């Protein structure tokens, strides 16, 4: 079988990461199908995985389509040298949003609703 799946994965990942020369894809075949192992620069891991894993899931879906077209099962393993123990750095915008939602909740508690109690609907 032509290694279309490997070439496709390399092309997609190299186009979304900041260090395309660090992208390496290993392809192995066993009784369960094709396994593509993706290695990238650790700084690019966020681009490959995406928010809530959406980018990685989309790439896996596309690889399954390519596999089905070629009558094979294709799986993607994203190699993580840190073992998934990434420290998430929250941005100032997120902190600002959290603080503003807290202050809006505080303002909500201070609103006088006694006039609504007398309404007859």
N, C-alpha and C. Protein backbone atom coordinates (compact mmCIF):
# COMPACT_ATOMS: atom_id res chain seq x y z
N UNK A 1 0.84 -1.18 0.00
CA UNK A 1 0.00 0.00 0.00
C UNK A 1 0.89 1.24 0.00
N UNK A 2 0.47 2.20 -0.75
CA UNK A 2 1.18 3.46 -0.80
C UNK A 2 1.03 4.16 0.55
N UNK A 3 2.04 4.85 0.98
CA UNK A 3 2.01 5.51 2.29
C UNK A 3 1.32 6.87 2.22
N UNK A 4 0.12 6.90 1.63
CA UNK A 4 -0.63 8.14 1.52
C UNK A 4 -0.98 8.70 2.89
N UNK A 5 -1.28 7.81 3.83
CA UNK A 5 -1.65 8.26 5.17
C UNK A 5 -0.49 9.00 5.84
N UNK A 6 0.70 8.46 5.73
CA UNK A 6 1.87 9.10 6.32
C UNK A 6 2.16 10.44 5.66
N UNK A 7 2.11 10.47 4.33
CA UNK A 7 2.37 11.71 3.60
C UNK A 7 1.33 12.77 3.94
N UNK A 8 0.06 12.35 4.05
CA UNK A 8 -1.01 13.29 4.40
C UNK A 8 -0.78 13.87 5.79
N UNK A 9 -0.47 13.01 6.76
CA UNK A 9 -0.25 13.48 8.13
C UNK A 9 0.92 14.46 8.19
N UNK A 10 2.01 14.14 7.53
CA UNK A 10 3.16 15.04 7.51
C UNK A 10 2.79 16.39 6.91
N UNK A 11 2.07 16.37 5.81
CA UNK A 11 1.69 17.61 5.13
C UNK A 11 0.80 18.49 6.02
N UNK A 12 -0.20 17.88 6.66
CA UNK A 12 -1.12 18.64 7.51
C UNK A 12 -0.39 19.22 8.72
N UNK A 13 0.37 18.38 9.41
CA UNK A 13 1.03 18.83 10.64
C UNK A 13 2.09 19.88 10.33
N UNK A 14 2.87 19.67 9.29
CA UNK A 14 3.91 20.66 8.94
C UNK A 14 3.31 22.01 8.60
N UNK A 15 2.08 22.01 8.11
CA UNK A 15 1.46 23.28 7.73
C UNK A 15 0.86 24.03 8.92
N UNK A 16 0.69 23.35 10.08
CA UNK A 16 0.09 24.04 11.22
C UNK A 16 1.07 24.33 12.36
N UNK A 17 2.25 23.72 12.34
CA UNK A 17 3.20 23.94 13.44
C UNK A 17 4.20 25.05 13.11
N UNK A 18 4.87 25.52 14.14
CA UNK A 18 5.87 26.57 13.97
C UNK A 18 7.23 26.04 13.58
N UNK A 19 7.49 24.75 13.85
CA UNK A 19 8.78 24.13 13.55
C UNK A 19 8.57 22.91 12.65
N UNK A 20 8.25 23.13 11.37
CA UNK A 20 7.93 22.00 10.49
C UNK A 20 9.09 21.03 10.28
N UNK A 21 10.31 21.48 10.43
CA UNK A 21 11.45 20.58 10.24
C UNK A 21 11.58 19.56 11.36
N UNK A 22 10.90 19.79 12.49
CA UNK A 22 10.95 18.86 13.62
C UNK A 22 9.88 17.79 13.56
N UNK A 23 9.01 17.81 12.56
CA UNK A 23 7.93 16.84 12.45
C UNK A 23 8.47 15.52 11.90
N UNK A 24 8.22 14.45 12.65
CA UNK A 24 8.65 13.11 12.24
C UNK A 24 7.45 12.17 12.40
N UNK A 25 7.17 11.38 11.37
CA UNK A 25 6.08 10.41 11.42
C UNK A 25 6.67 9.03 11.20
N UNK A 26 6.45 8.13 12.17
CA UNK A 26 6.85 6.72 12.04
C UNK A 26 5.61 5.92 11.70
N UNK A 27 5.74 5.01 10.74
CA UNK A 27 4.60 4.21 10.29
C UNK A 27 4.90 2.75 10.53
N UNK A 28 4.04 2.07 11.29
CA UNK A 28 4.19 0.64 11.52
C UNK A 28 2.87 -0.05 11.19
N UNK A 29 2.99 -1.29 10.76
CA UNK A 29 1.80 -2.09 10.41
C UNK A 29 1.82 -3.35 11.28
N UNK A 30 0.67 -3.64 11.90
CA UNK A 30 0.53 -4.88 12.66
C UNK A 30 -0.84 -5.47 12.38
N UNK A 31 -1.26 -6.45 13.19
CA UNK A 31 -2.54 -7.11 12.94
C UNK A 31 -3.74 -6.19 13.14
N UNK A 32 -3.55 -5.09 13.86
CA UNK A 32 -4.65 -4.14 14.08
C UNK A 32 -4.73 -3.06 13.02
N UNK A 33 -3.76 -3.00 12.13
CA UNK A 33 -3.78 -1.99 11.08
C UNK A 33 -2.51 -1.16 11.07
N UNK A 34 -2.66 0.08 10.61
CA UNK A 34 -1.54 1.00 10.48
C UNK A 34 -1.51 1.91 11.72
N UNK A 35 -0.33 2.06 12.29
CA UNK A 35 -0.16 2.99 13.40
C UNK A 35 0.83 4.06 12.98
N UNK A 36 0.36 5.29 13.00
CA UNK A 36 1.22 6.43 12.71
C UNK A 36 1.57 7.10 14.03
N UNK A 37 2.87 7.21 14.32
CA UNK A 37 3.33 7.88 15.53
C UNK A 37 3.91 9.22 15.13
N UNK A 38 3.32 10.28 15.66
CA UNK A 38 3.71 11.64 15.32
C UNK A 38 4.59 12.23 16.41
N UNK A 39 5.74 12.74 16.02
CA UNK A 39 6.64 13.43 16.95
C UNK A 39 6.82 14.85 16.43
N UNK A 40 6.64 15.81 17.33
CA UNK A 40 6.82 17.22 16.97
C UNK A 40 7.68 17.88 18.02
N UNK A 41 8.05 19.11 17.75
CA UNK A 41 8.72 19.93 18.73
C UNK A 41 7.75 20.14 19.89
N UNK A 42 8.19 19.97 21.15
CA UNK A 42 7.28 20.16 22.28
C UNK A 42 6.57 21.51 22.28
N UNK A 43 7.19 22.53 21.73
CA UNK A 43 6.56 23.85 21.67
C UNK A 43 5.35 23.86 20.74
N UNK A 44 5.28 22.90 19.82
CA UNK A 44 4.18 22.84 18.85
C UNK A 44 3.07 21.90 19.26
N UNK A 45 3.20 21.27 20.41
CA UNK A 45 2.20 20.28 20.84
C UNK A 45 0.80 20.87 20.92
N UNK A 46 0.69 22.09 21.36
CA UNK A 46 -0.62 22.73 21.46
C UNK A 46 -1.29 22.93 20.12
N UNK A 47 -0.50 23.21 19.09
CA UNK A 47 -1.07 23.38 17.75
C UNK A 47 -1.61 22.05 17.23
N UNK A 48 -0.91 20.97 17.52
CA UNK A 48 -1.31 19.65 17.02
C UNK A 48 -2.53 19.14 17.77
N UNK A 49 -2.57 19.34 19.06
CA UNK A 49 -3.68 18.83 19.86
C UNK A 49 -4.90 19.74 19.74
N UNK A 50 -4.68 21.04 19.81
CA UNK A 50 -5.78 21.99 19.66
C UNK A 50 -6.58 22.14 20.94
N UNK A 51 -7.49 23.09 20.94
CA UNK A 51 -8.32 23.34 22.11
C UNK A 51 -9.24 22.16 22.34
N UNK A 52 -9.19 21.62 23.55
CA UNK A 52 -9.98 20.45 23.95
C UNK A 52 -9.74 19.25 23.04
N UNK A 53 -8.58 19.20 22.38
CA UNK A 53 -8.24 18.06 21.54
C UNK A 53 -8.92 18.03 20.19
N UNK A 54 -9.53 19.14 19.80
CA UNK A 54 -10.31 19.15 18.56
C UNK A 54 -9.45 18.96 17.32
N UNK A 55 -8.27 19.56 17.29
CA UNK A 55 -7.42 19.42 16.11
C UNK A 55 -6.96 17.99 15.95
N UNK A 56 -6.50 17.38 17.04
CA UNK A 56 -6.05 15.99 17.00
C UNK A 56 -7.20 15.07 16.57
N UNK A 57 -8.39 15.31 17.09
CA UNK A 57 -9.53 14.48 16.72
C UNK A 57 -9.88 14.65 15.25
N UNK A 58 -9.78 15.86 14.74
CA UNK A 58 -10.06 16.09 13.32
C UNK A 58 -9.05 15.38 12.43
N UNK A 59 -7.78 15.43 12.82
CA UNK A 59 -6.74 14.75 12.04
C UNK A 59 -7.00 13.24 12.06
N UNK A 60 -7.37 12.70 13.22
CA UNK A 60 -7.67 11.26 13.32
C UNK A 60 -8.84 10.88 12.42
N UNK A 61 -9.87 11.73 12.39
CA UNK A 61 -11.04 11.45 11.54
C UNK A 61 -10.63 11.41 10.07
N UNK A 62 -9.83 12.38 9.64
CA UNK A 62 -9.38 12.41 8.25
C UNK A 62 -8.52 11.19 7.92
N UNK A 63 -7.67 10.78 8.86
CA UNK A 63 -6.83 9.59 8.63
C UNK A 63 -7.68 8.33 8.52
N UNK A 64 -8.76 8.25 9.29
CA UNK A 64 -9.65 7.09 9.19
C UNK A 64 -10.32 7.04 7.83
N UNK A 65 -10.66 8.21 7.30
CA UNK A 65 -11.27 8.27 5.97
C UNK A 65 -10.27 7.78 4.92
N UNK A 66 -9.03 8.24 5.02
CA UNK A 66 -8.00 7.80 4.08
C UNK A 66 -7.78 6.29 4.22
N UNK A 67 -7.77 5.80 5.45
CA UNK A 67 -7.62 4.36 5.67
C UNK A 67 -8.75 3.57 5.07
N UNK A 68 -9.98 4.03 5.26
CA UNK A 68 -11.14 3.33 4.70
C UNK A 68 -11.08 3.29 3.18
N UNK A 69 -10.61 4.36 2.60
CA UNK A 69 -10.47 4.42 1.14
C UNK A 69 -9.48 3.37 0.65
N UNK A 70 -8.48 3.07 1.48
CA UNK A 70 -7.45 2.10 1.11
C UNK A 70 -7.63 0.74 1.81
N UNK A 71 -8.82 0.51 2.35
CA UNK A 71 -9.15 -0.75 3.02
C UNK A 71 -8.19 -1.09 4.15
N UNK A 72 -7.86 -0.11 4.97
CA UNK A 72 -7.01 -0.37 6.13
C UNK A 72 -7.49 0.48 7.29
N UNK A 73 -7.07 0.09 8.46
CA UNK A 73 -7.42 0.83 9.67
C UNK A 73 -6.21 1.66 10.08
N UNK A 74 -6.39 2.98 10.18
CA UNK A 74 -5.28 3.87 10.50
C UNK A 74 -5.53 4.51 11.86
N UNK A 75 -4.53 4.41 12.74
CA UNK A 75 -4.60 5.02 14.06
C UNK A 75 -3.44 5.99 14.21
N UNK A 76 -3.68 7.04 14.98
CA UNK A 76 -2.66 8.07 15.21
C UNK A 76 -2.29 8.10 16.68
N UNK A 77 -0.99 8.03 16.94
CA UNK A 77 -0.47 8.20 18.29
C UNK A 77 0.40 9.46 18.26
N UNK A 78 0.10 10.39 19.14
CA UNK A 78 0.89 11.62 19.24
C UNK A 78 1.88 11.42 20.37
N UNK A 79 3.14 11.35 20.02
CA UNK A 79 4.20 11.11 21.00
C UNK A 79 4.37 12.35 21.87
N UNK A 80 4.28 12.15 23.18
CA UNK A 80 4.45 13.24 24.13
C UNK A 80 5.59 12.91 25.07
N UNK A 81 6.75 13.53 24.88
CA UNK A 81 7.90 13.19 25.73
C UNK A 81 7.68 13.55 27.20
N UNK A 82 6.76 14.46 27.48
CA UNK A 82 6.49 14.87 28.86
C UNK A 82 5.40 14.02 29.50
N UNK A 83 4.85 13.08 28.77
CA UNK A 83 3.84 12.19 29.33
C UNK A 83 2.51 12.83 29.63
N UNK A 84 2.20 13.93 28.99
CA UNK A 84 0.91 14.58 29.17
C UNK A 84 0.83 15.47 30.40
N UNK A 85 1.96 15.76 31.00
CA UNK A 85 1.96 16.60 32.20
C UNK A 85 2.30 18.04 31.86
N UNK A 86 1.53 18.62 30.98
CA UNK A 86 1.77 20.00 30.57
C UNK A 86 1.19 20.95 31.60
N UNK A 87 1.90 22.01 31.87
CA UNK A 87 1.40 23.05 32.75
C UNK A 87 0.67 24.06 31.89
N UNK A 88 -0.58 24.30 32.23
CA UNK A 88 -1.36 25.25 31.44
C UNK A 88 -1.13 26.64 31.98
N UNK A 89 -0.72 27.51 31.10
CA UNK A 89 -0.52 28.90 31.47
C UNK A 89 -1.76 29.68 31.10
N UNK A 90 -2.44 30.21 32.12
CA UNK A 90 -3.66 30.96 31.83
C UNK A 90 -3.30 32.37 31.43
N UNK A 91 -4.01 32.86 30.47
CA UNK A 91 -3.74 34.21 29.98
C UNK A 91 -4.40 35.24 30.88
N UNK A 92 -3.99 36.47 30.72
CA UNK A 92 -4.59 37.55 31.49
C UNK A 92 -6.05 37.74 31.12
N UNK A 93 -6.39 37.47 29.84
CA UNK A 93 -7.77 37.63 29.40
C UNK A 93 -8.68 36.68 30.16
N UNK A 94 -8.22 35.42 30.37
CA UNK A 94 -9.04 34.47 31.10
C UNK A 94 -9.22 34.92 32.53
N UNK A 95 -8.13 35.41 33.15
CA UNK A 95 -8.22 35.91 34.52
C UNK A 95 -9.19 37.08 34.57
N UNK A 96 -9.12 37.97 33.57
CA UNK A 96 -10.00 39.13 33.53
C UNK A 96 -11.46 38.69 33.41
N UNK A 97 -11.72 37.69 32.55
CA UNK A 97 -13.08 37.21 32.38
C UNK A 97 -13.61 36.60 33.67
N UNK A 98 -12.76 35.84 34.37
CA UNK A 98 -13.19 35.24 35.62
C UNK A 98 -13.52 36.33 36.64
N UNK A 99 -12.67 37.35 36.74
CA UNK A 99 -12.91 38.43 37.69
C UNK A 99 -14.17 39.21 37.34
N UNK A 100 -14.39 39.46 36.05
CA UNK A 100 -15.56 40.23 35.66
C UNK A 100 -16.83 39.43 35.89
N UNK A 101 -16.79 38.10 35.73
CA UNK A 101 -17.98 37.31 35.99
C UNK A 101 -18.25 37.25 37.49
N UNK A 102 -17.19 37.23 38.30
CA UNK A 102 -17.40 37.26 39.74
C UNK A 102 -18.02 38.59 40.16
N UNK A 103 -17.53 39.71 39.61
CA UNK A 103 -18.07 41.01 39.99
C UNK A 103 -19.50 41.16 39.51
N UNK A 104 -19.85 40.57 38.35
CA UNK A 104 -21.23 40.66 37.90
C UNK A 104 -22.14 39.83 38.79
N UNK A 105 -21.63 38.73 39.35
CA UNK A 105 -22.43 37.95 40.29
C UNK A 105 -22.64 38.74 41.58
N UNK A 106 -21.59 39.45 42.02
CA UNK A 106 -21.73 40.27 43.20
C UNK A 106 -22.76 41.37 42.97
N UNK A 107 -22.74 41.99 41.78
CA UNK A 107 -23.71 43.04 41.46
C UNK A 107 -25.12 42.47 41.43
N UNK A 108 -25.24 41.24 40.96
CA UNK A 108 -26.54 40.58 40.88
C UNK A 108 -27.13 40.40 42.28
N UNK A 109 -26.30 40.09 43.24
CA UNK A 109 -26.77 39.90 44.60
C UNK A 109 -27.24 41.20 45.23
N UNK A 110 -26.73 42.33 44.80
CA UNK A 110 -27.06 43.61 45.40
C UNK A 110 -28.34 44.23 44.82
N UNK A 111 -28.91 43.67 43.78
CA UNK A 111 -30.09 44.25 43.13
C UNK A 111 -31.31 44.05 44.02
N UNK A 112 -32.07 45.13 44.19
CA UNK A 112 -33.28 45.10 45.00
C UNK A 112 -34.43 44.60 44.13
N UNK A 113 -35.02 43.46 44.49
CA UNK A 113 -36.12 42.89 43.72
C UNK A 113 -37.45 42.98 44.46
N UNK A 114 -37.54 43.77 45.49
CA UNK A 114 -38.77 43.83 46.29
C UNK A 114 -39.96 44.36 45.49
N UNK A 115 -39.73 45.22 44.50
CA UNK A 115 -40.82 45.77 43.70
C UNK A 115 -41.47 44.68 42.83
N UNK A 116 -40.73 43.68 42.45
CA UNK A 116 -41.26 42.61 41.60
C UNK A 116 -42.20 41.72 42.39
N UNK A 117 -41.97 41.60 43.70
CA UNK A 117 -42.82 40.74 44.52
C UNK A 117 -44.26 41.20 44.55
N UNK A 118 -44.52 42.50 44.38
CA UNK A 118 -45.88 43.04 44.45
C UNK A 118 -46.62 42.98 43.12
N UNK A 119 -45.94 42.57 42.03
CA UNK A 119 -46.59 42.50 40.71
C UNK A 119 -47.59 41.35 40.68
N UNK A 120 -48.74 41.61 40.04
CA UNK A 120 -49.74 40.55 39.85
C UNK A 120 -49.80 40.24 38.37
N UNK A 121 -49.35 39.05 38.01
CA UNK A 121 -49.29 38.67 36.60
C UNK A 121 -50.27 37.57 36.34
